[in-house]
Amino acid sequence: MAALKNEVKGFIVQALACFDTPSQVVEQVKQEFGIEISRQLCESHDPTKRAGVNLAVKWVTLFHDTRKRFREETAEIPIANRAYRLRALGRMAVKAENSKNMALTAQLLEQAAKEVGDVYVNRQTKNENPHDNLPPTRVQVDVVDARKPDADA
């Protein structure tokens, strides 16, 4: 296989920096440039993988700069924000409840609880267990004769 042009290498490095899988990048390179490359060749352009350990410094720098920019831009996408997702789930839950779809409402409430931080758990502490607050149903009384210090003697 002939050496890849810098334009193709840059494309591969940037796609991998944006968390695309090597298989996805291979397909994108085929569509964009009309070149067929292997997944192994593609993975050798990812400095976070063992195959990319010998990647040139300029490509490593491009990779890390692209990944940093990608992460920063991702934070600006509304659906990537937890508050946005919770508001959307809240609106959906209200609509589902108003249309008497209790199963969907329960699913949406569960999703919202998980979104908040795994609040949706099926665990009870001892104080929350309703059976701890019930009076005993059976009482055992042992009668001890206090007058005799040693009953067997």
N, C-alpha and C. Protein backbone atom coordinates (compact mmCIF):
# COMPACT_ATOMS: atom_id res chain seq x y z
N MET A 1 0.84 -1.18 0.00
CA MET A 1 0.00 0.00 0.00
C MET A 1 0.89 1.24 0.00
N ALA A 2 0.53 2.18 -0.82
CA ALA A 2 1.29 3.43 -0.92
C ALA A 2 1.08 4.25 0.35
N ALA A 3 2.05 5.10 0.62
CA ALA A 3 1.96 5.96 1.80
C ALA A 3 0.78 6.91 1.65
N LEU A 4 0.13 7.20 2.76
CA LEU A 4 -1.02 8.09 2.75
C LEU A 4 -0.56 9.54 2.66
N LYS A 5 -1.33 10.35 1.97
CA LYS A 5 -1.05 11.78 1.89
C LYS A 5 -1.35 12.41 3.25
N ASN A 6 -0.73 13.56 3.49
CA ASN A 6 -0.92 14.25 4.76
C ASN A 6 -2.39 14.61 5.00
N GLU A 7 -3.10 14.94 3.94
CA GLU A 7 -4.52 15.29 4.06
C GLU A 7 -5.31 14.12 4.63
N VAL A 8 -5.02 12.90 4.14
CA VAL A 8 -5.72 11.70 4.60
C VAL A 8 -5.31 11.38 6.04
N LYS A 9 -4.03 11.48 6.34
CA LYS A 9 -3.54 11.23 7.70
C LYS A 9 -4.20 12.19 8.69
N GLY A 10 -4.26 13.46 8.33
CA GLY A 10 -4.90 14.45 9.20
C GLY A 10 -6.37 14.12 9.43
N PHE A 11 -7.04 13.70 8.37
CA PHE A 11 -8.45 13.33 8.47
C PHE A 11 -8.62 12.16 9.45
N ILE A 12 -7.77 11.15 9.31
CA ILE A 12 -7.84 9.97 10.17
C ILE A 12 -7.58 10.35 11.62
N VAL A 13 -6.53 11.13 11.87
CA VAL A 13 -6.17 11.53 13.23
C VAL A 13 -7.30 12.32 13.87
N GLN A 14 -7.89 13.25 13.12
CA GLN A 14 -8.96 14.06 13.68
C GLN A 14 -10.22 13.24 13.94
N ALA A 15 -10.53 12.31 13.06
CA ALA A 15 -11.71 11.47 13.27
C ALA A 15 -11.53 10.59 14.51
N LEU A 16 -10.35 10.03 14.66
CA LEU A 16 -10.09 9.21 15.85
C LEU A 16 -10.11 10.05 17.12
N ALA A 17 -9.64 11.29 17.03
CA ALA A 17 -9.67 12.19 18.19
C ALA A 17 -11.09 12.51 18.62
N CYS A 18 -12.02 12.44 17.66
CA CYS A 18 -13.44 12.71 17.95
C CYS A 18 -14.17 11.43 18.35
N PHE A 19 -13.41 10.41 18.78
CA PHE A 19 -13.94 9.16 19.30
C PHE A 19 -14.65 8.30 18.27
N ASP A 20 -14.39 8.50 16.98
CA ASP A 20 -14.90 7.58 15.97
C ASP A 20 -14.09 6.30 16.05
N THR A 21 -14.73 5.16 15.83
CA THR A 21 -14.02 3.89 15.87
C THR A 21 -13.21 3.73 14.60
N PRO A 22 -12.17 2.89 14.63
CA PRO A 22 -11.39 2.66 13.42
C PRO A 22 -12.26 2.17 12.25
N SER A 23 -13.25 1.34 12.53
CA SER A 23 -14.15 0.87 11.46
C SER A 23 -14.92 2.03 10.84
N GLN A 24 -15.39 2.94 11.66
CA GLN A 24 -16.11 4.11 11.15
C GLN A 24 -15.19 4.98 10.31
N VAL A 25 -13.95 5.16 10.78
CA VAL A 25 -13.00 6.00 10.06
C VAL A 25 -12.63 5.38 8.72
N VAL A 26 -12.46 4.07 8.69
CA VAL A 26 -12.17 3.38 7.43
C VAL A 26 -13.27 3.66 6.42
N GLU A 27 -14.50 3.58 6.86
CA GLU A 27 -15.65 3.86 5.98
C GLU A 27 -15.67 5.31 5.54
N GLN A 28 -15.37 6.24 6.45
CA GLN A 28 -15.35 7.66 6.11
C GLN A 28 -14.24 7.99 5.11
N VAL A 29 -13.07 7.37 5.27
CA VAL A 29 -11.96 7.60 4.35
C VAL A 29 -12.33 7.08 2.96
N LYS A 30 -13.01 5.96 2.93
CA LYS A 30 -13.44 5.39 1.63
C LYS A 30 -14.42 6.34 0.94
N GLN A 31 -15.35 6.90 1.70
CA GLN A 31 -16.34 7.81 1.13
C GLN A 31 -15.72 9.15 0.74
N GLU A 32 -14.86 9.68 1.60
CA GLU A 32 -14.30 11.01 1.40
C GLU A 32 -13.20 11.05 0.34
N PHE A 33 -12.31 10.05 0.38
CA PHE A 33 -11.13 10.08 -0.49
C PHE A 33 -11.10 8.97 -1.53
N GLY A 34 -12.00 8.00 -1.43
CA GLY A 34 -12.02 6.87 -2.37
C GLY A 34 -10.85 5.92 -2.16
N ILE A 35 -10.31 5.90 -0.95
CA ILE A 35 -9.16 5.04 -0.64
C ILE A 35 -9.61 3.97 0.36
N GLU A 36 -9.19 2.74 0.11
CA GLU A 36 -9.48 1.67 1.07
C GLU A 36 -8.26 1.45 1.94
N ILE A 37 -8.47 1.57 3.24
CA ILE A 37 -7.39 1.32 4.19
C ILE A 37 -7.86 0.27 5.19
N SER A 38 -6.92 -0.34 5.89
CA SER A 38 -7.28 -1.35 6.89
C SER A 38 -7.56 -0.68 8.23
N ARG A 39 -8.27 -1.39 9.08
CA ARG A 39 -8.52 -0.86 10.42
C ARG A 39 -7.21 -0.73 11.20
N GLN A 40 -6.29 -1.67 10.94
CA GLN A 40 -5.01 -1.64 11.63
C GLN A 40 -4.21 -0.38 11.26
N LEU A 41 -4.22 -0.02 9.97
CA LEU A 41 -3.54 1.20 9.54
C LEU A 41 -4.19 2.41 10.18
N CYS A 42 -5.50 2.38 10.22
CA CYS A 42 -6.24 3.49 10.83
C CYS A 42 -5.88 3.60 12.32
N GLU A 43 -5.86 2.49 13.03
CA GLU A 43 -5.58 2.50 14.46
C GLU A 43 -4.15 2.95 14.75
N SER A 44 -3.25 2.78 13.79
CA SER A 44 -1.86 3.21 14.00
C SER A 44 -1.74 4.73 14.04
N HIS A 45 -2.83 5.45 13.76
CA HIS A 45 -2.84 6.91 13.82
C HIS A 45 -3.47 7.44 15.11
N ASP A 46 -3.70 6.53 16.07
CA ASP A 46 -4.27 6.90 17.37
C ASP A 46 -3.18 6.78 18.42
N PRO A 47 -2.67 7.91 18.94
CA PRO A 47 -1.57 7.84 19.90
C PRO A 47 -1.97 7.26 21.25
N THR A 48 -3.26 7.08 21.51
CA THR A 48 -3.69 6.49 22.77
C THR A 48 -3.69 4.97 22.71
N LYS A 49 -3.45 4.42 21.54
CA LYS A 49 -3.41 2.96 21.36
C LYS A 49 -1.97 2.50 21.22
N ARG A 50 -1.77 1.24 21.46
CA ARG A 50 -0.42 0.69 21.36
C ARG A 50 0.11 0.78 19.93
N ALA A 51 -0.77 0.60 18.97
CA ALA A 51 -0.36 0.65 17.57
C ALA A 51 0.14 2.04 17.17
N GLY A 52 -0.30 3.08 17.87
CA GLY A 52 0.07 4.45 17.52
C GLY A 52 1.22 5.01 18.33
N VAL A 53 1.98 4.13 18.98
CA VAL A 53 3.06 4.59 19.85
C VAL A 53 4.17 5.31 19.07
N ASN A 54 4.36 4.98 17.80
CA ASN A 54 5.43 5.59 17.01
C ASN A 54 4.92 6.70 16.08
N LEU A 55 3.74 7.23 16.37
CA LEU A 55 3.16 8.27 15.54
C LEU A 55 3.99 9.55 15.64
N ALA A 56 4.15 10.24 14.53
CA ALA A 56 4.95 11.47 14.49
C ALA A 56 4.37 12.51 15.45
N VAL A 57 5.24 13.35 15.96
CA VAL A 57 4.86 14.35 16.96
C VAL A 57 3.78 15.29 16.44
N LYS A 58 3.85 15.69 15.17
CA LYS A 58 2.86 16.63 14.65
C LYS A 58 1.46 16.00 14.65
N TRP A 59 1.37 14.68 14.42
CA TRP A 59 0.06 14.01 14.43
C TRP A 59 -0.43 13.82 15.87
N VAL A 60 0.47 13.56 16.78
CA VAL A 60 0.09 13.42 18.20
C VAL A 60 -0.45 14.76 18.70
N THR A 61 0.23 15.84 18.35
CA THR A 61 -0.22 17.18 18.75
C THR A 61 -1.59 17.48 18.15
N LEU A 62 -1.75 17.18 16.87
CA LEU A 62 -3.05 17.39 16.21
C LEU A 62 -4.14 16.59 16.89
N PHE A 63 -3.83 15.34 17.23
CA PHE A 63 -4.80 14.47 17.91
C PHE A 63 -5.25 15.09 19.22
N HIS A 64 -4.30 15.47 20.07
CA HIS A 64 -4.65 16.00 21.40
C HIS A 64 -5.34 17.36 21.31
N ASP A 65 -4.94 18.20 20.39
CA ASP A 65 -5.61 19.49 20.20
C ASP A 65 -7.05 19.28 19.73
N THR A 66 -7.23 18.36 18.78
CA THR A 66 -8.57 18.09 18.26
C THR A 66 -9.46 17.51 19.35
N ARG A 67 -8.92 16.58 20.13
CA ARG A 67 -9.72 15.96 21.20
C ARG A 67 -10.12 17.00 22.24
N LYS A 68 -9.20 17.88 22.61
CA LYS A 68 -9.52 18.93 23.59
C LYS A 68 -10.63 19.83 23.06
N ARG A 69 -10.50 20.26 21.81
CA ARG A 69 -11.52 21.12 21.21
C ARG A 69 -12.85 20.39 21.10
N PHE A 70 -12.81 19.11 20.74
CA PHE A 70 -14.03 18.31 20.63
C PHE A 70 -14.76 18.22 21.97
N ARG A 71 -14.00 17.97 23.03
CA ARG A 71 -14.62 17.88 24.36
C ARG A 71 -15.22 19.22 24.79
N GLU A 72 -14.54 20.31 24.50
CA GLU A 72 -15.06 21.63 24.86
C GLU A 72 -16.33 21.95 24.08
N GLU A 73 -16.35 21.62 22.80
CA GLU A 73 -17.53 21.88 21.98
C GLU A 73 -18.69 20.98 22.37
N THR A 74 -18.39 19.77 22.81
CA THR A 74 -19.44 18.85 23.24
C THR A 74 -20.18 19.42 24.43
N ALA A 75 -19.49 20.12 25.30
CA ALA A 75 -20.13 20.71 26.48
C ALA A 75 -21.15 21.77 26.09
N GLU A 76 -21.03 22.34 24.91
CA GLU A 76 -21.96 23.37 24.46
C GLU A 76 -23.23 22.80 23.82
N ILE A 77 -23.25 21.51 23.56
CA ILE A 77 -24.42 20.87 22.96
C ILE A 77 -25.47 20.68 24.06
N PRO A 78 -26.68 21.19 23.87
CA PRO A 78 -27.67 21.14 24.95
C PRO A 78 -27.92 19.74 25.51
N ILE A 79 -28.06 18.74 24.67
CA ILE A 79 -28.40 17.41 25.17
C ILE A 79 -27.26 16.79 25.97
N ALA A 80 -26.06 17.34 25.85
CA ALA A 80 -24.94 16.86 26.64
C ALA A 80 -24.97 17.41 28.06
N ASN A 81 -25.89 18.33 28.33
CA ASN A 81 -26.03 18.96 29.63
C ASN A 81 -27.10 18.24 30.44
N ARG A 82 -26.78 17.82 31.65
CA ARG A 82 -27.71 17.07 32.48
C ARG A 82 -28.98 17.86 32.80
N ALA A 83 -28.87 19.14 33.07
CA ALA A 83 -30.04 19.95 33.38
C ALA A 83 -31.01 19.98 32.21
N TYR A 84 -30.49 20.09 31.00
CA TYR A 84 -31.34 20.07 29.81
C TYR A 84 -32.08 18.74 29.70
N ARG A 85 -31.35 17.64 29.91
CA ARG A 85 -31.97 16.31 29.79
C ARG A 85 -33.04 16.12 30.85
N LEU A 86 -32.79 16.60 32.08
CA LEU A 86 -33.79 16.47 33.15
C LEU A 86 -35.05 17.28 32.84
N ARG A 87 -34.87 18.48 32.31
CA ARG A 87 -36.04 19.29 31.94
C ARG A 87 -36.86 18.59 30.86
N ALA A 88 -36.17 18.03 29.87
CA ALA A 88 -36.86 17.32 28.79
C ALA A 88 -37.59 16.10 29.34
N LEU A 89 -36.94 15.34 30.22
CA LEU A 89 -37.59 14.18 30.82
C LEU A 89 -38.80 14.61 31.65
N GLY A 90 -38.68 15.74 32.34
CA GLY A 90 -39.81 16.25 33.11
C GLY A 90 -41.00 16.59 32.23
N ARG A 91 -40.74 17.25 31.11
CA ARG A 91 -41.83 17.58 30.18
C ARG A 91 -42.47 16.31 29.63
N MET A 92 -41.65 15.33 29.28
CA MET A 92 -42.19 14.07 28.75
C MET A 92 -43.01 13.33 29.80
N ALA A 93 -42.54 13.33 31.05
CA ALA A 93 -43.26 12.64 32.12
C ALA A 93 -44.63 13.28 32.35
N VAL A 94 -44.69 14.61 32.31
CA VAL A 94 -45.98 15.30 32.50
C VAL A 94 -46.94 14.94 31.37
N LYS A 95 -46.44 14.94 30.13
CA LYS A 95 -47.30 14.57 28.99
C LYS A 95 -47.77 13.13 29.11
N ALA A 96 -46.88 12.22 29.50
CA ALA A 96 -47.24 10.82 29.62
C ALA A 96 -48.27 10.62 30.73
N GLU A 97 -48.10 11.33 31.83
CA GLU A 97 -49.05 11.20 32.94
C GLU A 97 -50.41 11.79 32.56
N ASN A 98 -50.41 12.91 31.86
CA ASN A 98 -51.67 13.52 31.42
C ASN A 98 -52.43 12.64 30.44
N SER A 99 -51.69 11.84 29.67
CA SER A 99 -52.35 10.94 28.72
C SER A 99 -52.60 9.56 29.33
N LYS A 100 -52.46 9.46 30.65
CA LYS A 100 -52.74 8.24 31.42
C LYS A 100 -51.83 7.07 31.04
N ASN A 101 -50.64 7.36 30.57
CA ASN A 101 -49.68 6.32 30.22
C ASN A 101 -48.74 6.14 31.41
N MET A 102 -49.20 5.39 32.40
CA MET A 102 -48.46 5.27 33.65
C MET A 102 -47.17 4.46 33.48
N ALA A 103 -47.17 3.49 32.57
CA ALA A 103 -45.95 2.70 32.36
C ALA A 103 -44.83 3.60 31.81
N LEU A 104 -45.15 4.43 30.83
CA LEU A 104 -44.16 5.35 30.28
C LEU A 104 -43.74 6.38 31.32
N THR A 105 -44.70 6.85 32.11
CA THR A 105 -44.38 7.81 33.17
C THR A 105 -43.38 7.21 34.15
N ALA A 106 -43.62 5.96 34.53
CA ALA A 106 -42.71 5.30 35.46
C ALA A 106 -41.31 5.14 34.85
N GLN A 107 -41.24 4.80 33.58
CA GLN A 107 -39.95 4.66 32.91
C GLN A 107 -39.21 6.00 32.87
N LEU A 108 -39.94 7.06 32.58
CA LEU A 108 -39.32 8.38 32.52
C LEU A 108 -38.84 8.84 33.89
N LEU A 109 -39.61 8.55 34.92
CA LEU A 109 -39.19 8.91 36.28
C LEU A 109 -37.94 8.11 36.68
N GLU A 110 -37.92 6.84 36.30
CA GLU A 110 -36.74 6.02 36.58
C GLU A 110 -35.51 6.57 35.86
N GLN A 111 -35.70 6.95 34.59
CA GLN A 111 -34.59 7.52 33.82
C GLN A 111 -34.09 8.81 34.45
N ALA A 112 -35.00 9.65 34.91
CA ALA A 112 -34.60 10.90 35.54
C ALA A 112 -33.84 10.64 36.84
N ALA A 113 -34.29 9.66 37.61
CA ALA A 113 -33.60 9.33 38.85
C ALA A 113 -32.19 8.82 38.57
N LYS A 114 -32.05 8.03 37.54
CA LYS A 114 -30.72 7.53 37.16
C LYS A 114 -29.85 8.67 36.66
N GLU A 115 -30.45 9.60 35.96
CA GLU A 115 -29.71 10.75 35.43
C GLU A 115 -29.14 11.60 36.55
N VAL A 116 -29.86 11.71 37.64
CA VAL A 116 -29.44 12.53 38.77
C VAL A 116 -28.24 11.90 39.48
N GLY A 117 -28.07 10.62 39.32
CA GLY A 117 -26.91 10.00 39.95
C GLY A 117 -27.24 8.72 40.66
N ASP A 118 -27.89 7.82 39.97
CA ASP A 118 -28.21 6.50 40.49
C ASP A 118 -29.03 6.60 41.76
N VAL A 119 -29.99 7.52 41.80
CA VAL A 119 -30.88 7.66 42.93
C VAL A 119 -31.90 6.52 42.92
N TYR A 120 -32.12 5.95 41.75
CA TYR A 120 -33.11 4.89 41.60
C TYR A 120 -32.48 3.56 42.00
N VAL A 121 -32.62 3.19 43.26
CA VAL A 121 -32.12 1.91 43.75
C VAL A 121 -33.21 1.24 44.56
N ASN A 122 -33.16 -0.06 44.62
CA ASN A 122 -34.17 -0.81 45.35
C ASN A 122 -33.54 -1.32 46.65
N ARG A 123 -33.06 -0.40 47.45
CA ARG A 123 -32.43 -0.74 48.72
C ARG A 123 -33.13 0.01 49.84
N GLN A 124 -33.28 -0.64 50.98
CA GLN A 124 -33.86 0.03 52.12
C GLN A 124 -32.89 -0.07 53.28
N THR A 125 -32.75 1.02 54.00
CA THR A 125 -31.96 0.96 55.21
C THR A 125 -32.84 0.38 56.30
N LYS A 126 -32.26 0.03 57.43
CA LYS A 126 -33.02 -0.60 58.50
C LYS A 126 -34.17 0.29 58.97
N ASN A 127 -33.95 1.59 59.05
CA ASN A 127 -34.99 2.51 59.52
C ASN A 127 -36.12 2.66 58.53
N GLU A 128 -35.84 2.43 57.24
CA GLU A 128 -36.87 2.58 56.23
C GLU A 128 -37.72 1.33 56.08
N ASN A 129 -37.28 0.21 56.64
CA ASN A 129 -38.02 -1.04 56.51
C ASN A 129 -39.29 -0.95 57.35
N PRO A 130 -40.47 -1.06 56.73
CA PRO A 130 -41.72 -0.91 57.48
C PRO A 130 -41.92 -2.01 58.52
N HIS A 131 -41.29 -3.16 58.37
CA HIS A 131 -41.47 -4.26 59.31
C HIS A 131 -40.77 -3.99 60.64
N ASP A 132 -39.79 -3.07 60.64
CA ASP A 132 -39.10 -2.74 61.89
C ASP A 132 -40.00 -1.97 62.85
N ASN A 133 -41.02 -1.33 62.34
CA ASN A 133 -41.89 -0.50 63.17
C ASN A 133 -43.11 -1.25 63.70
N LEU A 134 -43.26 -2.53 63.35
CA LEU A 134 -44.41 -3.30 63.81
C LEU A 134 -44.17 -3.83 65.22
N PRO A 135 -45.23 -3.94 66.02
CA PRO A 135 -45.06 -4.52 67.36
C PRO A 135 -44.79 -6.02 67.23
N PRO A 136 -44.12 -6.62 68.20
CA PRO A 136 -43.84 -8.05 68.12
C PRO A 136 -45.14 -8.85 68.16
N THR A 137 -45.16 -9.98 67.46
CA THR A 137 -46.37 -10.82 67.42
C THR A 137 -46.29 -11.93 68.46
N ARG A 138 -45.11 -12.20 68.99
CA ARG A 138 -44.95 -13.25 69.97
C ARG A 138 -43.93 -12.79 71.00
N VAL A 139 -44.21 -13.07 72.26
CA VAL A 139 -43.29 -12.70 73.33
C VAL A 139 -42.98 -13.96 74.12
N GLN A 140 -41.73 -14.22 74.36
CA GLN A 140 -41.33 -15.37 75.16
C GLN A 140 -40.86 -14.86 76.51
N VAL A 141 -41.40 -15.45 77.57
CA VAL A 141 -41.04 -15.04 78.92
C VAL A 141 -40.42 -16.24 79.62
N ASP A 142 -39.25 -16.08 80.18
CA ASP A 142 -38.59 -17.12 80.97
C ASP A 142 -38.74 -16.75 82.44
N VAL A 143 -39.30 -17.67 83.23
CA VAL A 143 -39.49 -17.43 84.65
C VAL A 143 -38.29 -18.00 85.38
N VAL A 144 -37.69 -17.18 86.19
CA VAL A 144 -36.52 -17.59 86.95
C VAL A 144 -36.87 -17.46 88.43
N ASP A 145 -36.60 -18.52 89.17
CA ASP A 145 -36.86 -18.49 90.61
C ASP A 145 -35.67 -17.85 91.28
N ALA A 146 -35.84 -16.66 91.82
CA ALA A 146 -34.75 -15.91 92.42
C ALA A 146 -34.45 -16.38 93.83
N ARG A 147 -35.33 -17.20 94.44
CA ARG A 147 -35.11 -17.63 95.83
C ARG A 147 -34.04 -18.69 95.93
N LYS A 148 -33.95 -19.55 94.91
CA LYS A 148 -32.96 -20.63 94.96
C LYS A 148 -31.75 -20.22 94.15
N PRO A 149 -30.59 -20.04 94.81
CA PRO A 149 -29.41 -19.63 94.05
C PRO A 149 -28.91 -20.72 93.12
N ASP A 150 -29.02 -22.00 93.51
CA ASP A 150 -28.55 -23.08 92.65
C ASP A 150 -29.64 -24.12 92.56
N ALA A 151 -30.36 -24.22 91.50
CA ALA A 151 -31.51 -25.11 91.36
C ALA A 151 -31.09 -26.57 91.29
N ASP A 152 -29.90 -26.91 90.84
CA ASP A 152 -29.47 -28.29 90.66
C ASP A 152 -28.89 -28.89 91.95
N ALA A 153 -28.56 -28.12 92.92
CA ALA A 153 -27.88 -28.62 94.12
C ALA A 153 -28.78 -29.25 95.13
